[in-house]
């Protein structure tokens, strides 16, 4: 599905984030920034050694990346120019600030994109895999955060690149509900 909001094209698609032709892709990273499973491992494998080398320098200079924060590196062999690495929260029941940390992960990723002149960015579903954040709740936070951000600083395009038909369906449903409310 493709929609327009605040002069920004928003795309909801099933796909492989490592194959996106956007200015930046967002990596659902862990705090070490050294790669891992899921999206993180896929981005590091597809992007090559240059991404890991930059991540090592960032961690050496600043330490691990805390949940809600984001850093930017080259995209190595990816089609994108940049990878924005953000650490989402681990779901612990919802009463430990998880919603706000997830909102910060999206907001800080978008802020870095804007600072670097990024015109288009592709997001995965942050924290919904191994970190077990409830998918619909995460989708609502993601979409609402993007909408609030682009009202102030429009981008050309924001993509939500989802792994499965089920994930895509959740994001489409959240968009429909938010659109109906105005």
C-alpha atoms as a PDB file:
ATOM      1  CA  UNK A   1       0.000   0.000   0.000  1.00  0.00           C
ATOM      2  CA  UNK A   2       1.181   3.513  -0.806  1.00  0.00           C
ATOM      3  CA  UNK A   3      -0.256   6.701   0.725  1.00  0.00           C
ATOM      4  CA  UNK A   4       0.630  10.389   0.960  1.00  0.00           C
ATOM      5  CA  UNK A   5       0.884  12.282   4.241  1.00  0.00           C
ATOM      6  CA  UNK A   6       2.424  15.685   4.952  1.00  0.00           C
ATOM      7  CA  UNK A   7       4.062  15.794   1.495  1.00  0.00           C
ATOM      8  CA  UNK A   8       5.713  12.419   2.181  1.00  0.00           C
ATOM      9  CA  UNK A   9       5.026   9.192   0.346  1.00  0.00           C
ATOM     10  CA  UNK A  10       4.525   6.388   2.872  1.00  0.00           C
ATOM     11  CA  UNK A  11       4.853   2.830   1.619  1.00  0.00           C
ATOM     12  CA  UNK A  12       3.893  -0.365   3.427  1.00  0.00           C
ATOM     13  CA  UNK A  13       5.452  -3.364   1.675  1.00  0.00           C
ATOM     14  CA  UNK A  14       6.499  -6.938   2.248  1.00  0.00           C
ATOM     15  CA  UNK A  15      10.135  -7.328   1.332  1.00  0.00           C
ATOM     16  CA  UNK A  16      13.813  -7.578   2.138  1.00  0.00           C
ATOM     17  CA  UNK A  17      15.156  -4.437   3.768  1.00  0.00           C
ATOM     18  CA  UNK A  18      18.652  -5.157   2.452  1.00  0.00           C
ATOM     19  CA  UNK A  19      17.391  -4.682  -1.124  1.00  0.00           C
ATOM     20  CA  UNK A  20      15.709  -1.323  -0.661  1.00  0.00           C
ATOM     21  CA  UNK A  21      16.722   1.503  -2.959  1.00  0.00           C
ATOM     22  CA  UNK A  22      16.315   4.271  -0.405  1.00  0.00           C
ATOM     23  CA  UNK A  23      18.856   6.809   0.845  1.00  0.00           C
ATOM     24  CA  UNK A  24      18.978   4.985   4.185  1.00  0.00           C
ATOM     25  CA  UNK A  25      17.813   1.743   5.713  1.00  0.00           C
ATOM     26  CA  UNK A  26      17.208   1.382   9.417  1.00  0.00           C
ATOM     27  CA  UNK A  27      18.763  -1.530  11.236  1.00  0.00           C
ATOM     28  CA  UNK A  28      16.983  -3.008  14.253  1.00  0.00           C
ATOM     29  CA  UNK A  29      20.324  -3.393  16.026  1.00  0.00           C
ATOM     30  CA  UNK A  30      21.381  -4.654  19.407  1.00  0.00           C
ATOM     31  CA  UNK A  31      23.351  -2.417  21.768  1.00  0.00           C
ATOM     32  CA  UNK A  32      26.715  -3.879  20.732  1.00  0.00           C
ATOM     33  CA  UNK A  33      26.166  -2.821  17.075  1.00  0.00           C
ATOM     34  CA  UNK A  34      28.173  -5.891  16.059  1.00  0.00           C
ATOM     35  CA  UNK A  35      25.485  -7.689  14.092  1.00  0.00           C
ATOM     36  CA  UNK A  36      23.251 -10.454  15.290  1.00  0.00           C
ATOM     37  CA  UNK A  37      20.199 -12.294  14.087  1.00  0.00           C
ATOM     38  CA  UNK A  38      17.174 -11.166  12.106  1.00  0.00           C
ATOM     39  CA  UNK A  39      17.327  -7.780  10.385  1.00  0.00           C
ATOM     40  CA  UNK A  40      20.605  -6.903  12.123  1.00  0.00           C
ATOM     41  CA  UNK A  41      22.425  -9.967  10.837  1.00  0.00           C
ATOM     42  CA  UNK A  42      20.943  -9.624   7.357  1.00  0.00           C
ATOM     43  CA  UNK A  43      22.087  -5.996   7.051  1.00  0.00           C
ATOM     44  CA  UNK A  44      25.590  -6.787   8.261  1.00  0.00           C
ATOM     45  CA  UNK A  45      25.890  -9.790   5.907  1.00  0.00           C
ATOM     46  CA  UNK A  46      24.546  -7.969   2.856  1.00  0.00           C
ATOM     47  CA  UNK A  47      26.352  -4.691   3.576  1.00  0.00           C
ATOM     48  CA  UNK A  48      29.736  -6.250   4.191  1.00  0.00           C
ATOM     49  CA  UNK A  49      32.687  -5.510   6.408  1.00  0.00           C
ATOM     50  CA  UNK A  50      32.598  -1.686   6.089  1.00  0.00           C
ATOM     51  CA  UNK A  51      29.471  -1.471   8.263  1.00  0.00           C
ATOM     52  CA  UNK A  52      31.012  -3.562  11.045  1.00  0.00           C
ATOM     53  CA  UNK A  53      34.217  -1.521  10.980  1.00  0.00           C
ATOM     54  CA  UNK A  54      32.305   1.747  11.427  1.00  0.00           C
ATOM     55  CA  UNK A  55      30.192   0.199  14.196  1.00  0.00           C
ATOM     56  CA  UNK A  56      33.365  -0.879  16.013  1.00  0.00           C
ATOM     57  CA  UNK A  57      34.682   2.694  15.869  1.00  0.00           C
ATOM     58  CA  UNK A  58      31.409   4.093  17.214  1.00  0.00           C
ATOM     59  CA  UNK A  59      31.332   1.633  20.113  1.00  0.00           C
ATOM     60  CA  UNK A  60      35.012   2.288  20.897  1.00  0.00           C
ATOM     61  CA  UNK A  61      34.318   6.029  21.038  1.00  0.00           C
ATOM     62  CA  UNK A  62      30.874   6.095  22.681  1.00  0.00           C
ATOM     63  CA  UNK A  63      30.238   2.664  24.175  1.00  0.00           C
ATOM     64  CA  UNK A  64      27.204   0.489  23.439  1.00  0.00           C
ATOM     65  CA  UNK A  65      24.145   2.122  21.896  1.00  0.00           C
ATOM     66  CA  UNK A  66      21.328   2.282  24.468  1.00  0.00           C
ATOM     67  CA  UNK A  67      17.705   1.448  23.639  1.00  0.00           C
ATOM     68  CA  UNK A  68      15.928   4.332  21.943  1.00  0.00           C
ATOM     69  CA  UNK A  69      19.123   5.810  20.504  1.00  0.00           C
ATOM     70  CA  UNK A  70      20.484   5.649  16.956  1.00  0.00           C
ATOM     71  CA  UNK A  71      23.789   5.975  15.088  1.00  0.00           C
ATOM     72  CA  UNK A  72      24.557   6.204  11.383  1.00  0.00           C
ATOM     73  CA  UNK A  73      27.152   4.411   9.234  1.00  0.00           C
ATOM     74  CA  UNK A  74      27.919   3.746   5.634  1.00  0.00           C
ATOM     75  CA  UNK A  75      25.740   1.151   3.931  1.00  0.00           C
ATOM     76  CA  UNK A  76      28.684  -0.754   2.481  1.00  0.00           C
ATOM     77  CA  UNK A  77      27.456  -3.002  -0.328  1.00  0.00           C
ATOM     78  CA  UNK A  78      23.769  -2.139   0.127  1.00  0.00           C
ATOM     79  CA  UNK A  79      21.908  -0.008  -2.430  1.00  0.00           C
ATOM     80  CA  UNK A  80      21.268   2.597   0.275  1.00  0.00           C
ATOM     81  CA  UNK A  81      23.849   5.251   1.138  1.00  0.00           C
ATOM     82  CA  UNK A  82      23.484   4.920   4.913  1.00  0.00           C
ATOM     83  CA  UNK A  83      22.464   2.459   7.592  1.00  0.00           C
ATOM     84  CA  UNK A  84      20.844   3.979  10.651  1.00  0.00           C
ATOM     85  CA  UNK A  85      21.305   1.556  13.536  1.00  0.00           C
ATOM     86  CA  UNK A  86      18.739   1.897  16.303  1.00  0.00           C
ATOM     87  CA  UNK A  87      18.180  -0.198  19.378  1.00  0.00           C
ATOM     88  CA  UNK A  88      14.591  -0.933  20.232  1.00  0.00           C
ATOM     89  CA  UNK A  89      13.433  -2.003  23.669  1.00  0.00           C
ATOM     90  CA  UNK A  90      13.003  -5.573  24.831  1.00  0.00           C
ATOM     91  CA  UNK A  91       9.348  -6.143  25.739  1.00  0.00           C
ATOM     92  CA  UNK A  92       9.006  -6.708  29.491  1.00  0.00           C
ATOM     93  CA  UNK A  93       5.248  -6.402  29.856  1.00  0.00           C
ATOM     94  CA  UNK A  94       4.742  -2.777  28.888  1.00  0.00           C
ATOM     95  CA  UNK A  95       5.264  -1.059  32.220  1.00  0.00           C
ATOM     96  CA  UNK A  96       8.988  -0.309  31.926  1.00  0.00           C
ATOM     97  CA  UNK A  97       8.932   2.503  29.406  1.00  0.00           C
ATOM     98  CA  UNK A  98       8.972   0.241  26.358  1.00  0.00           C
ATOM     99  CA  UNK A  99       6.511   2.390  24.374  1.00  0.00           C
ATOM    100  CA  UNK A 100       8.562   5.560  24.863  1.00  0.00           C
ATOM    101  CA  UNK A 101      11.839   3.808  24.044  1.00  0.00           C
ATOM    102  CA  UNK A 102      10.353   2.464  20.816  1.00  0.00           C
ATOM    103  CA  UNK A 103       9.037   5.915  19.934  1.00  0.00           C
ATOM    104  CA  UNK A 104      12.526   7.322  20.570  1.00  0.00           C
ATOM    105  CA  UNK A 105      14.094   4.649  18.330  1.00  0.00           C
ATOM    106  CA  UNK A 106      11.929   5.771  15.394  1.00  0.00           C
ATOM    107  CA  UNK A 107      12.215   9.498  16.187  1.00  0.00           C
ATOM    108  CA  UNK A 108      16.003   9.425  16.648  1.00  0.00           C
ATOM    109  CA  UNK A 109      16.403   7.441  13.423  1.00  0.00           C
ATOM    110  CA  UNK A 110      14.363  10.033  11.534  1.00  0.00           C
ATOM    111  CA  UNK A 111      16.322  12.864  13.159  1.00  0.00           C
ATOM    112  CA  UNK A 112      19.617  11.347  12.011  1.00  0.00           C
ATOM    113  CA  UNK A 113      18.166  10.897   8.530  1.00  0.00           C
ATOM    114  CA  UNK A 114      17.165  14.568   8.406  1.00  0.00           C
ATOM    115  CA  UNK A 115      20.572  15.691   9.722  1.00  0.00           C
ATOM    116  CA  UNK A 116      22.294  13.774   6.905  1.00  0.00           C
ATOM    117  CA  UNK A 117      20.018  15.020   4.129  1.00  0.00           C
ATOM    118  CA  UNK A 118      18.346  11.643   3.641  1.00  0.00           C
ATOM    119  CA  UNK A 119      15.364  11.904   1.301  1.00  0.00           C
ATOM    120  CA  UNK A 120      14.027   8.352   1.701  1.00  0.00           C
ATOM    121  CA  UNK A 121      14.284   5.835   4.507  1.00  0.00           C
ATOM    122  CA  UNK A 122      13.195   2.214   4.955  1.00  0.00           C
ATOM    123  CA  UNK A 123      12.223   0.864   8.383  1.00  0.00           C
ATOM    124  CA  UNK A 124      11.797  -2.727   9.553  1.00  0.00           C
ATOM    125  CA  UNK A 125       9.387  -3.553  12.375  1.00  0.00           C
ATOM    126  CA  UNK A 126      11.713  -2.609  15.242  1.00  0.00           C
ATOM    127  CA  UNK A 127      11.642  -4.777  18.407  1.00  0.00           C
ATOM    128  CA  UNK A 128       8.906  -7.152  17.202  1.00  0.00           C
ATOM    129  CA  UNK A 129      11.143 -10.143  16.492  1.00  0.00           C
ATOM    130  CA  UNK A 130      13.509 -11.457  19.157  1.00  0.00           C
ATOM    131  CA  UNK A 131      12.599  -8.531  21.460  1.00  0.00           C
ATOM    132  CA  UNK A 132       8.919  -9.664  21.467  1.00  0.00           C
ATOM    133  CA  UNK A 133       7.261  -6.216  21.347  1.00  0.00           C
ATOM    134  CA  UNK A 134       3.573  -6.806  20.461  1.00  0.00           C
ATOM    135  CA  UNK A 135       3.258  -6.264  16.711  1.00  0.00           C
ATOM    136  CA  UNK A 136       0.108  -4.108  16.592  1.00  0.00           C
ATOM    137  CA  UNK A 137       1.274  -1.906  19.450  1.00  0.00           C
ATOM    138  CA  UNK A 138       4.675  -1.479  17.791  1.00  0.00           C
ATOM    139  CA  UNK A 139       3.087  -0.689  14.415  1.00  0.00           C
ATOM    140  CA  UNK A 140       0.892   1.999  15.957  1.00  0.00           C
ATOM    141  CA  UNK A 141       3.897   3.618  17.680  1.00  0.00           C
ATOM    142  CA  UNK A 142       5.952   3.430  14.463  1.00  0.00           C
ATOM    143  CA  UNK A 143       3.303   4.965  12.217  1.00  0.00           C
ATOM    144  CA  UNK A 144       2.275   7.663  14.716  1.00  0.00           C
ATOM    145  CA  UNK A 145       5.905   8.649  15.316  1.00  0.00           C
ATOM    146  CA  UNK A 146       6.618   8.899  11.586  1.00  0.00           C
ATOM    147  CA  UNK A 147       3.471  10.954  11.000  1.00  0.00           C
ATOM    148  CA  UNK A 148       4.343  13.379  13.808  1.00  0.00           C
ATOM    149  CA  UNK A 149       7.914  13.746  12.523  1.00  0.00           C
ATOM    150  CA  UNK A 150       7.068  14.356   8.867  1.00  0.00           C
ATOM    151  CA  UNK A 151       4.558  17.059   9.787  1.00  0.00           C
ATOM    152  CA  UNK A 152       7.562  19.077  10.984  1.00  0.00           C
ATOM    153  CA  UNK A 153      10.251  17.781   8.603  1.00  0.00           C
ATOM    154  CA  UNK A 154       8.820  16.061   5.510  1.00  0.00           C
ATOM    155  CA  UNK A 155      10.898  13.467   3.675  1.00  0.00           C
ATOM    156  CA  UNK A 156      10.281  12.324   0.123  1.00  0.00           C
ATOM    157  CA  UNK A 157       9.514   8.765   1.219  1.00  0.00           C
ATOM    158  CA  UNK A 158       9.250   6.569   4.294  1.00  0.00           C
ATOM    159  CA  UNK A 159       8.926   2.826   3.757  1.00  0.00           C
ATOM    160  CA  UNK A 160       7.893   0.210   6.250  1.00  0.00           C
ATOM    161  CA  UNK A 161       9.437  -2.984   4.900  1.00  0.00           C
ATOM    162  CA  UNK A 162       7.791  -5.938   6.583  1.00  0.00           C
ATOM    163  CA  UNK A 163       8.961  -9.528   6.663  1.00  0.00           C
ATOM    164  CA  UNK A 164       5.663 -11.387   6.272  1.00  0.00           C
ATOM    165  CA  UNK A 165       2.154 -10.996   4.908  1.00  0.00           C
ATOM    166  CA  UNK A 166       0.895 -11.050   8.502  1.00  0.00           C
ATOM    167  CA  UNK A 167       3.205  -8.171   9.497  1.00  0.00           C
ATOM    168  CA  UNK A 168       2.152  -6.197   6.428  1.00  0.00           C
ATOM    169  CA  UNK A 169      -1.500  -6.791   7.275  1.00  0.00           C
ATOM    170  CA  UNK A 170      -1.008  -5.391  10.778  1.00  0.00           C
ATOM    171  CA  UNK A 171       0.616  -2.200   9.450  1.00  0.00           C
ATOM    172  CA  UNK A 172      -2.075  -1.758   6.796  1.00  0.00           C
ATOM    173  CA  UNK A 173      -4.778  -2.218   9.452  1.00  0.00           C
ATOM    174  CA  UNK A 174      -3.112   0.317  11.775  1.00  0.00           C
ATOM    175  CA  UNK A 175      -2.903   2.820   8.895  1.00  0.00           C
ATOM    176  CA  UNK A 176      -6.575   2.324   8.037  1.00  0.00           C
ATOM    177  CA  UNK A 177      -7.615   2.839  11.678  1.00  0.00           C
ATOM    178  CA  UNK A 178      -5.479   5.987  12.027  1.00  0.00           C
ATOM    179  CA  UNK A 179      -6.749   7.375   8.705  1.00  0.00           C
ATOM    180  CA  UNK A 180     -10.354   6.814   9.718  1.00  0.00           C
ATOM    181  CA  UNK A 181      -9.779   8.858  12.901  1.00  0.00           C
ATOM    182  CA  UNK A 182      -8.333  11.706  10.856  1.00  0.00           C
END
